[in-house]
PDB file of N, CA and C in Angstrom:
ATOM      1  N   MET A   1     275.764 -79.503  11.836  1.00  0.00           N
ATOM      2  CA  MET A   1     276.024 -78.385  12.731  1.00  0.00           C
ATOM      3  C   MET A   1     274.982 -77.307  12.458  1.00  0.00           C
ATOM      4  N   ASP A   2     274.290 -76.917  13.499  1.00  0.00           N
ATOM      5  CA  ASP A   2     273.260 -75.915  13.298  1.00  0.00           C
ATOM      6  C   ASP A   2     273.838 -74.499  13.414  1.00  0.00           C
ATOM      7  N   GLN A   3     272.993 -73.531  13.161  1.00  0.00           N
ATOM      8  CA  GLN A   3     273.407 -72.130  13.124  1.00  0.00           C
ATOM      9  C   GLN A   3     273.969 -71.668  14.469  1.00  0.00           C
ATOM     10  N   GLN A   4     273.358 -72.108  15.559  1.00  0.00           N
ATOM     11  CA  GLN A   4     273.810 -71.694  16.885  1.00  0.00           C
ATOM     12  C   GLN A   4     275.225 -72.202  17.164  1.00  0.00           C
ATOM     13  N   ASP A   5     275.522 -73.439  16.748  1.00  0.00           N
ATOM     14  CA  ASP A   5     276.873 -73.983  16.925  1.00  0.00           C
ATOM     15  C   ASP A   5     277.890 -73.185  16.128  1.00  0.00           C
ATOM     16  N   LYS A   6     277.516 -72.767  14.922  1.00  0.00           N
ATOM     17  CA  LYS A   6     278.423 -71.964  14.099  1.00  0.00           C
ATOM     18  C   LYS A   6     278.719 -70.635  14.776  1.00  0.00           C
ATOM     19  N   HIS A   7     277.685 -70.020  15.352  1.00  0.00           N
ATOM     20  CA  HIS A   7     277.892 -68.745  16.037  1.00  0.00           C
ATOM     21  C   HIS A   7     278.779 -68.924  17.265  1.00  0.00           C
ATOM     22  N   GLU A   8     278.601 -70.025  17.967  1.00  0.00           N
ATOM     23  CA  GLU A   8     279.431 -70.294  19.144  1.00  0.00           C
ATOM     24  C   GLU A   8     280.886 -70.489  18.729  1.00  0.00           C
ATOM     25  N   ASP A   9     281.107 -71.206  17.620  1.00  0.00           N
ATOM     26  CA  ASP A   9     282.468 -71.395  17.108  1.00  0.00           C
ATOM     27  C   ASP A   9     283.089 -70.059  16.727  1.00  0.00           C
ATOM     28  N   LEU A  10     282.305 -69.201  16.094  1.00  0.00           N
ATOM     29  CA  LEU A  10     282.820 -67.882  15.716  1.00  0.00           C
ATOM     30  C   LEU A  10     283.146 -67.049  16.945  1.00  0.00           C
ATOM     31  N   ARG A  11     282.358 -67.165  17.986  1.00  0.00           N
ATOM     32  CA  ARG A  11     282.645 -66.439  19.228  1.00  0.00           C
ATOM     33  C   ARG A  11     283.970 -66.918  19.838  1.00  0.00           C
ATOM     34  N   LYS A  12     284.218 -68.221  19.771  1.00  0.00           N
ATOM     35  CA  LYS A  12     285.485 -68.756  20.278  1.00  0.00           C
ATOM     36  C   LYS A  12     286.655 -68.221  19.467  1.00  0.00           C
ATOM     37  N   VAL A  13     286.500 -68.181  18.146  1.00  0.00           N
ATOM     38  CA  VAL A  13     287.545 -67.646  17.279  1.00  0.00           C
ATOM     39  C   VAL A  13     287.759 -66.167  17.593  1.00  0.00           C
ATOM     40  N   GLU A  14     286.670 -65.436  17.786  1.00  0.00           N
ATOM     41  CA  GLU A  14     286.780 -64.019  18.124  1.00  0.00           C
ATOM     42  C   GLU A  14     287.565 -63.838  19.421  1.00  0.00           C
ATOM     43  N   GLY A  15     287.279 -64.650  20.406  1.00  0.00           N
ATOM     44  CA  GLY A  15     287.994 -64.555  21.681  1.00  0.00           C
ATOM     45  C   GLY A  15     289.483 -64.781  21.514  1.00  0.00           C
ATOM     46  N   LYS A  16     289.840 -65.788  20.721  1.00  0.00           N
ATOM     47  CA  LYS A  16     291.258 -66.076  20.472  1.00  0.00           C
ATOM     48  C   LYS A  16     291.906 -64.943  19.680  1.00  0.00           C
ATOM     49  N   ALA A  17     291.179 -64.392  18.716  1.00  0.00           N
ATOM     50  CA  ALA A  17     291.712 -63.288  17.916  1.00  0.00           C
ATOM     51  C   ALA A  17     291.962 -62.064  18.794  1.00  0.00           C
ATOM     52  N   GLU A  18     291.025 -61.766  19.677  1.00  0.00           N
ATOM     53  CA  GLU A  18     291.206 -60.633  20.575  1.00  0.00           C
ATOM     54  C   GLU A  18     292.387 -60.864  21.516  1.00  0.00           C
ATOM     55  N   GLU A  19     292.548 -62.099  21.968  1.00  0.00           N
ATOM     56  CA  GLU A  19     293.683 -62.429  22.836  1.00  0.00           C
ATOM     57  C   GLU A  19     295.004 -62.230  22.093  1.00  0.00           C
ATOM     58  N   LEU A  20     295.066 -62.686  20.847  1.00  0.00           N
ATOM     59  CA  LEU A  20     296.272 -62.526  20.041  1.00  0.00           C
ATOM     60  C   LEU A  20     296.598 -61.052  19.837  1.00  0.00           C
ATOM     61  N   VAL A  21     295.606 -60.272  19.481  1.00  0.00           N
ATOM     62  CA  VAL A  21     295.830 -58.850  19.249  1.00  0.00           C
ATOM     63  C   VAL A  21     296.287 -58.171  20.533  1.00  0.00           C
ATOM     64  N   SER A  22     295.662 -58.509  21.636  1.00  0.00           N
ATOM     65  CA  SER A  22     296.032 -57.915  22.918  1.00  0.00           C
ATOM     66  C   SER A  22     297.486 -58.232  23.269  1.00  0.00           C
ATOM     67  N   LEU A  23     297.869 -59.481  23.115  1.00  0.00           N
ATOM     68  CA  LEU A  23     299.252 -59.870  23.406  1.00  0.00           C
ATOM     69  C   LEU A  23     300.238 -59.190  22.455  1.00  0.00           C
ATOM     70  N   THR A  24     299.867 -59.075  21.192  1.00  0.00           N
ATOM     71  CA  THR A  24     300.726 -58.408  20.211  1.00  0.00           C
ATOM     72  C   THR A  24     300.951 -56.953  20.597  1.00  0.00           C
ATOM     73  N   LEU A  25     299.866 -56.278  20.979  1.00  0.00           N
ATOM     74  CA  LEU A  25     300.001 -54.881  21.389  1.00  0.00           C
ATOM     75  C   LEU A  25     300.847 -54.745  22.652  1.00  0.00           C
ATOM     76  N   GLU A  26     300.688 -55.670  23.598  1.00  0.00           N
ATOM     77  CA  GLU A  26     301.504 -55.628  24.812  1.00  0.00           C
ATOM     78  C   GLU A  26     302.988 -55.773  24.490  1.00  0.00           C
ATOM     79  N   VAL A  27     303.319 -56.700  23.591  1.00  0.00           N
ATOM     80  CA  VAL A  27     304.715 -56.889  23.198  1.00  0.00           C
ATOM     81  C   VAL A  27     305.252 -55.622  22.547  1.00  0.00           C
ATOM     82  N   CYS A  28     304.474 -55.036  21.663  1.00  0.00           N
ATOM     83  CA  CYS A  28     304.911 -53.802  20.987  1.00  0.00           C
ATOM     84  C   CYS A  28     305.129 -52.677  21.988  1.00  0.00           C
ATOM     85  N   GLU A  29     304.177 -52.499  22.890  1.00  0.00           N
ATOM     86  CA  GLU A  29     304.301 -51.436  23.880  1.00  0.00           C
ATOM     87  C   GLU A  29     305.532 -51.642  24.757  1.00  0.00           C
ATOM     88  N   LYS A  30     305.754 -52.890  25.169  1.00  0.00           N
ATOM     89  CA  LYS A  30     306.922 -53.176  26.012  1.00  0.00           C
ATOM     90  C   LYS A  30     308.210 -52.877  25.271  1.00  0.00           C
ATOM     91  N   ARG A  31     308.294 -53.304  24.043  1.00  0.00           N
ATOM     92  CA  ARG A  31     309.513 -53.052  23.268  1.00  0.00           C
ATOM     93  C   ARG A  31     309.722 -51.568  23.027  1.00  0.00           C
ATOM     94  N   LEU A  32     308.642 -50.854  22.788  1.00  0.00           N
ATOM     95  CA  LEU A  32     308.767 -49.417  22.551  1.00  0.00           C
ATOM     96  C   LEU A  32     309.164 -48.676  23.823  1.00  0.00           C
ATOM     97  N   THR A  33     308.611 -49.061  24.959  1.00  0.00           N
ATOM     98  CA  THR A  33     308.940 -48.372  26.202  1.00  0.00           C
ATOM     99  C   THR A  33     310.311 -48.769  26.719  1.00  0.00           C
ATOM    100  N   ASP A  34     310.788 -49.961  26.399  1.00  0.00           N
ATOM    101  CA  ASP A  34     312.114 -50.407  26.826  1.00  0.00           C
ATOM    102  C   ASP A  34     313.222 -49.827  25.955  1.00  0.00           C
ATOM    103  N   SER A  35     312.865 -49.278  24.819  1.00  0.00           N
ATOM    104  CA  SER A  35     313.862 -48.782  23.873  1.00  0.00           C
ATOM    105  C   SER A  35     313.948 -47.262  23.955  1.00  0.00           C
ATOM    106  N   ARG A  36     315.171 -46.760  24.079  1.00  0.00           N
ATOM    107  CA  ARG A  36     315.365 -45.311  24.112  1.00  0.00           C
ATOM    108  C   ARG A  36     315.432 -44.739  22.697  1.00  0.00           C
ATOM    109  N   ASN A  37     315.958 -45.498  21.796  1.00  0.00           N
ATOM    110  CA  ASN A  37     316.053 -45.076  20.397  1.00  0.00           C
ATOM    111  C   ASN A  37     315.132 -45.946  19.564  1.00  0.00           C
ATOM    112  N   LEU A  38     314.149 -45.331  18.961  1.00  0.00           N
ATOM    113  CA  LEU A  38     313.209 -46.096  18.149  1.00  0.00           C
ATOM    114  C   LEU A  38     313.801 -46.334  16.766  1.00  0.00           C
ATOM    115  N   SER A  39     314.037 -47.592  16.491  1.00  0.00           N
ATOM    116  CA  SER A  39     314.547 -47.957  15.174  1.00  0.00           C
ATOM    117  C   SER A  39     313.380 -48.030  14.199  1.00  0.00           C
ATOM    118  N   PRO A  40     313.680 -48.070  12.909  1.00  0.00           N
ATOM    119  CA  PRO A  40     312.605 -48.252  11.934  1.00  0.00           C
ATOM    120  C   PRO A  40     311.817 -49.540  12.180  1.00  0.00           C
ATOM    121  N   GLU A  41     312.493 -50.558  12.701  1.00  0.00           N
ATOM    122  CA  GLU A  41     311.812 -51.814  13.002  1.00  0.00           C
ATOM    123  C   GLU A  41     310.777 -51.636  14.110  1.00  0.00           C
ATOM    124  N   HIS A  42     311.109 -50.858  15.128  1.00  0.00           N
ATOM    125  CA  HIS A  42     310.168 -50.601  16.215  1.00  0.00           C
ATOM    126  C   HIS A  42     308.945 -49.836  15.712  1.00  0.00           C
ATOM    127  N   VAL A  43     309.185 -48.860  14.887  1.00  0.00           N
ATOM    128  CA  VAL A  43     308.073 -48.076  14.338  1.00  0.00           C
ATOM    129  C   VAL A  43     307.187 -48.970  13.475  1.00  0.00           C
ATOM    130  N   ALA A  44     307.807 -49.815  12.651  1.00  0.00           N
ATOM    131  CA  ALA A  44     307.046 -50.732  11.796  1.00  0.00           C
ATOM    132  C   ALA A  44     306.265 -51.741  12.626  1.00  0.00           C
ATOM    133  N   LEU A  45     306.864 -52.221  13.705  1.00  0.00           N
ATOM    134  CA  LEU A  45     306.192 -53.194  14.572  1.00  0.00           C
ATOM    135  C   LEU A  45     304.940 -52.597  15.197  1.00  0.00           C
ATOM    136  N   SER A  46     305.032 -51.387  15.685  1.00  0.00           N
ATOM    137  CA  SER A  46     303.850 -50.774  16.301  1.00  0.00           C
ATOM    138  C   SER A  46     302.764 -50.507  15.262  1.00  0.00           C
ATOM    139  N   SER A  47     303.163 -50.077  14.071  1.00  0.00           N
ATOM    140  CA  SER A  47     302.188 -49.857  12.997  1.00  0.00           C
ATOM    141  C   SER A  47     301.530 -51.167  12.577  1.00  0.00           C
ATOM    142  N   ALA A  48     302.318 -52.224  12.492  1.00  0.00           N
ATOM    143  CA  ALA A  48     301.783 -53.528  12.101  1.00  0.00           C
ATOM    144  C   ALA A  48     300.788 -54.039  13.143  1.00  0.00           C
ATOM    145  N   ALA A  49     301.097 -53.837  14.409  1.00  0.00           N
ATOM    146  CA  ALA A  49     300.185 -54.287  15.464  1.00  0.00           C
ATOM    147  C   ALA A  49     298.845 -53.576  15.370  1.00  0.00           C
ATOM    148  N   MET A  50     298.869 -52.288  15.123  1.00  0.00           N
ATOM    149  CA  MET A  50     297.620 -51.543  15.006  1.00  0.00           C
ATOM    150  C   MET A  50     296.847 -51.979  13.759  1.00  0.00           C
ATOM    151  N   SER A  51     297.557 -52.294  12.693  1.00  0.00           N
ATOM    152  CA  SER A  51     296.903 -52.781  11.474  1.00  0.00           C
ATOM    153  C   SER A  51     296.231 -54.128  11.717  1.00  0.00           C
ATOM    154  N   VAL A  52     296.916 -54.994  12.427  1.00  0.00           N
ATOM    155  CA  VAL A  52     296.341 -56.309  12.748  1.00  0.00           C
ATOM    156  C   VAL A  52     295.088 -56.127  13.583  1.00  0.00           C
ATOM    157  N   ARG A  53     295.159 -55.243  14.550  1.00  0.00           N
ATOM    158  CA  ARG A  53     293.998 -54.989  15.414  1.00  0.00           C
ATOM    159  C   ARG A  53     292.799 -54.540  14.580  1.00  0.00           C
ATOM    160  N   GLN A  54     293.013 -53.593  13.700  1.00  0.00           N
ATOM    161  CA  GLN A  54     291.931 -53.096  12.854  1.00  0.00           C
ATOM    162  C   GLN A  54     291.421 -54.181  11.905  1.00  0.00           C
ATOM    163  N   SER A  55     292.314 -54.998  11.394  1.00  0.00           N
ATOM    164  CA  SER A  55     291.915 -56.079  10.492  1.00  0.00           C
ATOM    165  C   SER A  55     291.021 -57.084  11.204  1.00  0.00           C
ATOM    166  N   VAL A  56     291.376 -57.425  12.430  1.00  0.00           N
ATOM    167  CA  VAL A  56     290.562 -58.370  13.196  1.00  0.00           C
ATOM    168  C   VAL A  56     289.189 -57.767  13.479  1.00  0.00           C
ATOM    169  N   LYS A  57     289.160 -56.497  13.874  1.00  0.00           N
ATOM    170  CA  LYS A  57     287.880 -55.839  14.140  1.00  0.00           C
ATOM    171  C   LYS A  57     287.018 -55.801  12.876  1.00  0.00           C
ATOM    172  N   THR A  58     287.638 -55.536  11.731  1.00  0.00           N
ATOM    173  CA  THR A  58     286.904 -55.508  10.463  1.00  0.00           C
ATOM    174  C   THR A  58     286.366 -56.895  10.127  1.00  0.00           C
ATOM    175  N   PHE A  59     287.198 -57.919  10.286  1.00  0.00           N
ATOM    176  CA  PHE A  59     286.758 -59.289  10.024  1.00  0.00           C
ATOM    177  C   PHE A  59     285.546 -59.635  10.875  1.00  0.00           C
ATOM    178  N   LEU A  60     285.615 -59.306  12.149  1.00  0.00           N
ATOM    179  CA  LEU A  60     284.509 -59.633  13.047  1.00  0.00           C
ATOM    180  C   LEU A  60     283.247 -58.878  12.662  1.00  0.00           C
ATOM    181  N   ALA A  61     283.396 -57.645  12.228  1.00  0.00           N
ATOM    182  CA  ALA A  61     282.228 -56.869  11.810  1.00  0.00           C
ATOM    183  C   ALA A  61     281.615 -57.455  10.541  1.00  0.00           C
ATOM    184  N   VAL A  62     282.447 -57.893   9.618  1.00  0.00           N
ATOM    185  CA  VAL A  62     281.962 -58.438   8.351  1.00  0.00           C
ATOM    186  C   VAL A  62     281.283 -59.789   8.547  1.00  0.00           C
ATOM    187  N   THR A  63     281.768 -60.576   9.496  1.00  0.00           N
ATOM    188  CA  THR A  63     281.161 -61.900   9.710  1.00  0.00           C
ATOM    189  C   THR A  63     279.757 -61.789  10.261  1.00  0.00           C
ATOM    190  N   GLY A  64     279.439 -60.662  10.873  1.00  0.00           N
ATOM    191  CA  GLY A  64     278.085 -60.448  11.361  1.00  0.00           C
ATOM    192  C   GLY A  64     277.679 -61.369  12.479  1.00  0.00           C
ATOM    193  N   ILE A  65     278.575 -61.605  13.424  1.00  0.00           N
ATOM    194  CA  ILE A  65     278.255 -62.467  14.553  1.00  0.00           C
ATOM    195  C   ILE A  65     277.178 -61.772  15.380  1.00  0.00           C
ATOM    196  N   PRO A  66     276.016 -62.434  15.559  1.00  0.00           N
ATOM    197  CA  PRO A  66     274.941 -61.814  16.337  1.00  0.00           C
ATOM    198  C   PRO A  66     275.390 -61.470  17.745  1.00  0.00           C
ATOM    199  N   GLY A  67     275.011 -60.290  18.194  1.00  0.00           N
ATOM    200  CA  GLY A  67     275.339 -59.857  19.542  1.00  0.00           C
ATOM    201  C   GLY A  67     276.748 -59.366  19.716  1.00  0.00           C
ATOM    202  N   MET A  68     277.540 -59.297  18.644  1.00  0.00           N
ATOM    203  CA  MET A  68     278.926 -58.879  18.780  1.00  0.00           C
ATOM    204  C   MET A  68     279.155 -57.456  18.286  1.00  0.00           C
ATOM    205  N   ALA A  69     278.186 -56.838  17.699  1.00  0.00           N
ATOM    206  CA  ALA A  69     278.352 -55.475  17.196  1.00  0.00           C
ATOM    207  C   ALA A  69     278.568 -54.544  18.371  1.00  0.00           C
ATOM    208  N   GLY A  70     279.669 -53.799  18.299  1.00  0.00           N
ATOM    209  CA  GLY A  70     279.972 -52.842  19.340  1.00  0.00           C
ATOM    210  C   GLY A  70     280.390 -53.473  20.654  1.00  0.00           C
ATOM    211  N   SER A  71     280.851 -54.719  20.632  1.00  0.00           N
ATOM    212  CA  SER A  71     281.211 -55.395  21.875  1.00  0.00           C
ATOM    213  C   SER A  71     282.546 -54.922  22.438  1.00  0.00           C
ATOM    214  N   GLU A  72     283.383 -54.308  21.606  1.00  0.00           N
ATOM    215  CA  GLU A  72     284.682 -53.834  22.074  1.00  0.00           C
ATOM    216  C   GLU A  72     284.692 -52.318  22.078  1.00  0.00           C
ATOM    217  N   ALA A  73     284.995 -51.773  23.218  1.00  0.00           N
ATOM    218  CA  ALA A  73     285.064 -50.315  23.325  1.00  0.00           C
ATOM    219  C   ALA A  73     286.399 -49.832  22.770  1.00  0.00           C
ATOM    220  N   GLU A  74     286.359 -48.682  22.150  1.00  0.00           N
ATOM    221  CA  GLU A  74     287.584 -48.088  21.608  1.00  0.00           C
ATOM    222  C   GLU A  74     288.410 -47.499  22.705  1.00  0.00           C
TER     223      GLU A  74
END
């Protein structure tokens, strides 16, 4: 497997990771907006989702995938 194939595989993993994070945030937002009383579990869920998002972004930055720096807008 050459270097280009490895980068392509990492891009696929990045896409799946972004999809997972996006879906996780959607679930959290839906649960938070559907709930009138925020339980400690709801607060923890939203915090965990944001932590996962940051962790994925950090992982992608550390892997140094060419052309991926700054690919996601805040």
